[in-house]
Amino acid sequence: MSDLVSLAVGIAAHRRINSIRSDMRAQKLNFDESELSSVSMRQDIEKLYMLVEALWLIVKETSGMKDEDLIDLVKQIDLQDGKLDGRNSSNATVRKCANCGRTLLRGQSKCTYCGNELHDVALFRHNGR
């Protein structure tokens, strides 16, 4: 199970790094990756590791799922963008409003343009936090 949790933590860390890079590019800031605090990142990864492991233990105990079931689910999520590569591209989550056809931001519950209520809002954001 530790390999599975390590995989989940690695994916979360990769997504966090991509999110930070994206935010910095959007603000047109120059950055040096060495400036990312490795100590802070390591602490965050350790916390995520413990949280994921605790949640998985709860799910296993209450649902009867096995490690293999979780591995299969992780693969299914990974394949949502068409590639089994440990990443989930933001292209997989691009949505259009059913009413006006405009492109929507991830996590929106209402279209910014026409006000249409969106009922299929994803619980988790993809490609970072």
C-alpha atoms as a PDB file:
ATOM      1  CA  MET A   1       0.000   0.000   0.000  1.00  0.00           C
ATOM      2  CA  SER A   2       2.906   2.386   0.627  1.00  0.00           C
ATOM      3  CA  ASP A   3       3.691   2.354  -3.126  1.00  0.00           C
ATOM      4  CA  LEU A   4       0.117   3.367  -3.845  1.00  0.00           C
ATOM      5  CA  VAL A   5       0.202   6.160  -1.302  1.00  0.00           C
ATOM      6  CA  SER A   6       3.600   7.257  -2.621  1.00  0.00           C
ATOM      7  CA  LEU A   7       2.116   7.413  -6.119  1.00  0.00           C
ATOM      8  CA  ALA A   8      -0.827   9.507  -4.889  1.00  0.00           C
ATOM      9  CA  VAL A   9       1.471  11.883  -2.986  1.00  0.00           C
ATOM     10  CA  GLY A  10       3.784  12.169  -5.990  1.00  0.00           C
ATOM     11  CA  ILE A  11       0.851  13.049  -8.233  1.00  0.00           C
ATOM     12  CA  ALA A  12      -0.362  15.663  -5.740  1.00  0.00           C
ATOM     13  CA  ALA A  13       3.113  17.206  -5.481  1.00  0.00           C
ATOM     14  CA  HIS A  14       3.460  17.282  -9.275  1.00  0.00           C
ATOM     15  CA  ARG A  15       0.097  19.000  -9.571  1.00  0.00           C
ATOM     16  CA  ARG A  16       1.016  21.559  -6.907  1.00  0.00           C
ATOM     17  CA  ILE A  17       4.266  22.413  -8.704  1.00  0.00           C
ATOM     18  CA  ASN A  18       2.397  22.800 -12.011  1.00  0.00           C
ATOM     19  CA  SER A  19      -0.160  25.030 -10.326  1.00  0.00           C
ATOM     20  CA  ILE A  20       2.566  27.242  -8.866  1.00  0.00           C
ATOM     21  CA  ARG A  21       4.303  27.479 -12.241  1.00  0.00           C
ATOM     22  CA  SER A  22       1.041  28.342 -13.974  1.00  0.00           C
ATOM     23  CA  ASP A  23       0.161  31.025 -11.413  1.00  0.00           C
ATOM     24  CA  MET A  24       3.596  32.609 -11.746  1.00  0.00           C
ATOM     25  CA  ARG A  25       3.412  32.602 -15.554  1.00  0.00           C
ATOM     26  CA  ALA A  26      -0.038  34.166 -15.426  1.00  0.00           C
ATOM     27  CA  GLN A  27       1.337  36.991 -13.315  1.00  0.00           C
ATOM     28  CA  LYS A  28       4.297  37.280 -15.698  1.00  0.00           C
ATOM     29  CA  LEU A  29       6.773  36.815 -12.899  1.00  0.00           C
ATOM     30  CA  ASN A  30      10.211  35.424 -13.545  1.00  0.00           C
ATOM     31  CA  PHE A  31      11.076  32.686 -11.162  1.00  0.00           C
ATOM     32  CA  ASP A  32      13.793  30.264 -10.461  1.00  0.00           C
ATOM     33  CA  GLU A  33      12.638  26.790  -9.466  1.00  0.00           C
ATOM     34  CA  SER A  34      15.348  26.701  -6.835  1.00  0.00           C
ATOM     35  CA  GLU A  35      13.385  29.390  -5.021  1.00  0.00           C
ATOM     36  CA  LEU A  36      10.572  26.931  -4.357  1.00  0.00           C
ATOM     37  CA  SER A  37      11.047  25.954  -0.772  1.00  0.00           C
ATOM     38  CA  SER A  38      12.056  22.312  -0.701  1.00  0.00           C
ATOM     39  CA  VAL A  39      11.521  22.178   3.063  1.00  0.00           C
ATOM     40  CA  SER A  40       7.970  23.494   2.787  1.00  0.00           C
ATOM     41  CA  MET A  41       7.241  21.191  -0.139  1.00  0.00           C
ATOM     42  CA  ARG A  42       8.553  18.183   1.769  1.00  0.00           C
ATOM     43  CA  GLN A  43       6.358  19.042   4.765  1.00  0.00           C
ATOM     44  CA  ASP A  44       3.328  19.388   2.499  1.00  0.00           C
ATOM     45  CA  ILE A  45       4.090  16.043   0.873  1.00  0.00           C
ATOM     46  CA  GLU A  46       4.431  14.338   4.250  1.00  0.00           C
ATOM     47  CA  LYS A  47       1.077  15.780   5.362  1.00  0.00           C
ATOM     48  CA  LEU A  48      -0.558  14.690   2.108  1.00  0.00           C
ATOM     49  CA  TYR A  49       0.954  11.233   2.489  1.00  0.00           C
ATOM     50  CA  MET A  50      -0.537  10.827   5.948  1.00  0.00           C
ATOM     51  CA  LEU A  51      -3.927  12.214   4.905  1.00  0.00           C
ATOM     52  CA  VAL A  52      -4.162   9.987   1.841  1.00  0.00           C
ATOM     53  CA  GLU A  53      -3.130   6.926   3.809  1.00  0.00           C
ATOM     54  CA  ALA A  54      -5.662   7.674   6.577  1.00  0.00           C
ATOM     55  CA  LEU A  55      -8.458   8.255   4.069  1.00  0.00           C
ATOM     56  CA  TRP A  56      -7.613   5.078   2.207  1.00  0.00           C
ATOM     57  CA  LEU A  57      -7.655   3.056   5.451  1.00  0.00           C
ATOM     58  CA  ILE A  58     -11.098   4.461   6.276  1.00  0.00           C
ATOM     59  CA  VAL A  59     -12.405   3.670   2.785  1.00  0.00           C
ATOM     60  CA  LYS A  60     -10.987   0.139   2.890  1.00  0.00           C
ATOM     61  CA  GLU A  61     -12.471  -0.570   6.303  1.00  0.00           C
ATOM     62  CA  THR A  62     -15.917   0.810   5.461  1.00  0.00           C
ATOM     63  CA  SER A  63     -16.277  -0.340   1.859  1.00  0.00           C
ATOM     64  CA  GLY A  64     -14.352  -3.583   1.611  1.00  0.00           C
ATOM     65  CA  MET A  65     -12.323  -2.196  -1.298  1.00  0.00           C
ATOM     66  CA  LYS A  66      -8.834  -3.558  -1.873  1.00  0.00           C
ATOM     67  CA  ASP A  67      -5.612  -1.854  -2.904  1.00  0.00           C
ATOM     68  CA  GLU A  68      -6.087  -3.204  -6.427  1.00  0.00           C
ATOM     69  CA  ASP A  69      -9.458  -1.401  -6.623  1.00  0.00           C
ATOM     70  CA  LEU A  70      -7.818   1.922  -5.788  1.00  0.00           C
ATOM     71  CA  ILE A  71      -5.021   1.323  -8.273  1.00  0.00           C
ATOM     72  CA  ASP A  72      -7.626   0.681 -10.978  1.00  0.00           C
ATOM     73  CA  LEU A  73      -9.496   3.887 -10.055  1.00  0.00           C
ATOM     74  CA  VAL A  74      -6.294   5.943 -10.154  1.00  0.00           C
ATOM     75  CA  LYS A  75      -5.561   4.554 -13.624  1.00  0.00           C
ATOM     76  CA  GLN A  76      -9.093   5.447 -14.775  1.00  0.00           C
ATOM     77  CA  ILE A  77      -8.666   9.010 -13.523  1.00  0.00           C
ATOM     78  CA  ASP A  78      -5.229   9.233 -15.130  1.00  0.00           C
ATOM     79  CA  LEU A  79      -6.691   8.097 -18.459  1.00  0.00           C
ATOM     80  CA  GLN A  80      -9.363  10.837 -18.480  1.00  0.00           C
ATOM     81  CA  ASP A  81      -7.013  12.970 -20.554  1.00  0.00           C
ATOM     82  CA  GLY A  82      -6.269  10.054 -22.903  1.00  0.00           C
ATOM     83  CA  LYS A  83      -2.777   9.290 -21.564  1.00  0.00           C
ATOM     84  CA  LEU A  84      -1.613   6.960 -18.791  1.00  0.00           C
ATOM     85  CA  ASP A  85       1.192   9.214 -17.580  1.00  0.00           C
ATOM     86  CA  GLY A  86       0.515  10.084 -13.937  1.00  0.00           C
ATOM     87  CA  ARG A  87      -0.961  13.447 -14.954  1.00  0.00           C
ATOM     88  CA  ASN A  88      -4.382  14.793 -15.801  1.00  0.00           C
ATOM     89  CA  SER A  89      -4.276  17.559 -18.378  1.00  0.00           C
ATOM     90  CA  SER A  90      -6.482  20.617 -17.935  1.00  0.00           C
ATOM     91  CA  ASN A  91      -7.774  19.958 -21.462  1.00  0.00           C
ATOM     92  CA  ALA A  92      -9.796  17.083 -20.043  1.00  0.00           C
ATOM     93  CA  THR A  93     -11.795  19.479 -17.878  1.00  0.00           C
ATOM     94  CA  VAL A  94     -12.602  22.212 -20.423  1.00  0.00           C
ATOM     95  CA  ARG A  95     -16.359  22.667 -20.508  1.00  0.00           C
ATOM     96  CA  LYS A  96     -18.815  24.793 -22.440  1.00  0.00           C
ATOM     97  CA  CYS A  97     -22.027  26.280 -21.092  1.00  0.00           C
ATOM     98  CA  ALA A  98     -25.023  24.312 -22.372  1.00  0.00           C
ATOM     99  CA  ASN A  99     -26.995  27.560 -22.702  1.00  0.00           C
ATOM    100  CA  CYS A 100     -24.615  30.046 -24.371  1.00  0.00           C
ATOM    101  CA  GLY A 101     -21.715  27.837 -25.495  1.00  0.00           C
ATOM    102  CA  ARG A 102     -19.012  29.949 -23.836  1.00  0.00           C
ATOM    103  CA  THR A 103     -15.957  28.274 -22.275  1.00  0.00           C
ATOM    104  CA  LEU A 104     -16.242  27.851 -18.522  1.00  0.00           C
ATOM    105  CA  LEU A 105     -13.630  27.909 -15.806  1.00  0.00           C
ATOM    106  CA  ARG A 106     -13.121  24.761 -13.750  1.00  0.00           C
ATOM    107  CA  GLY A 107     -15.200  24.586 -10.606  1.00  0.00           C
ATOM    108  CA  GLN A 108     -17.825  27.141 -11.656  1.00  0.00           C
ATOM    109  CA  SER A 109     -21.366  26.487 -10.458  1.00  0.00           C
ATOM    110  CA  LYS A 110     -22.886  29.226 -12.642  1.00  0.00           C
ATOM    111  CA  CYS A 111     -21.993  30.517 -16.108  1.00  0.00           C
ATOM    112  CA  THR A 112     -20.315  33.914 -15.812  1.00  0.00           C
ATOM    113  CA  TYR A 113     -21.763  35.067 -19.122  1.00  0.00           C
ATOM    114  CA  CYS A 114     -25.428  34.039 -19.100  1.00  0.00           C
ATOM    115  CA  GLY A 115     -26.040  32.970 -15.493  1.00  0.00           C
ATOM    116  CA  ASN A 116     -27.013  29.394 -16.407  1.00  0.00           C
ATOM    117  CA  GLU A 117     -26.845  27.088 -13.363  1.00  0.00           C
ATOM    118  CA  LEU A 118     -24.323  24.291 -13.885  1.00  0.00           C
ATOM    119  CA  HIS A 119     -25.235  21.027 -12.234  1.00  0.00           C
ATOM    120  CA  ASP A 120     -22.199  18.948 -13.211  1.00  0.00           C
ATOM    121  CA  VAL A 121     -19.490  20.862 -11.342  1.00  0.00           C
ATOM    122  CA  ALA A 122     -16.495  18.630 -10.631  1.00  0.00           C
ATOM    123  CA  LEU A 123     -15.690  17.964  -7.002  1.00  0.00           C
ATOM    124  CA  PHE A 124     -11.954  18.084  -7.685  1.00  0.00           C
ATOM    125  CA  ARG A 125     -10.015  20.463  -9.889  1.00  0.00           C
ATOM    126  CA  HIS A 126      -7.615  18.834 -12.327  1.00  0.00           C
ATOM    127  CA  ASN A 127      -4.098  19.842 -13.297  1.00  0.00           C
ATOM    128  CA  GLY A 128      -3.102  21.247  -9.978  1.00  0.00           C
ATOM    129  CA  ARG A 129      -4.809  23.012  -7.125  1.00  0.00           C
END
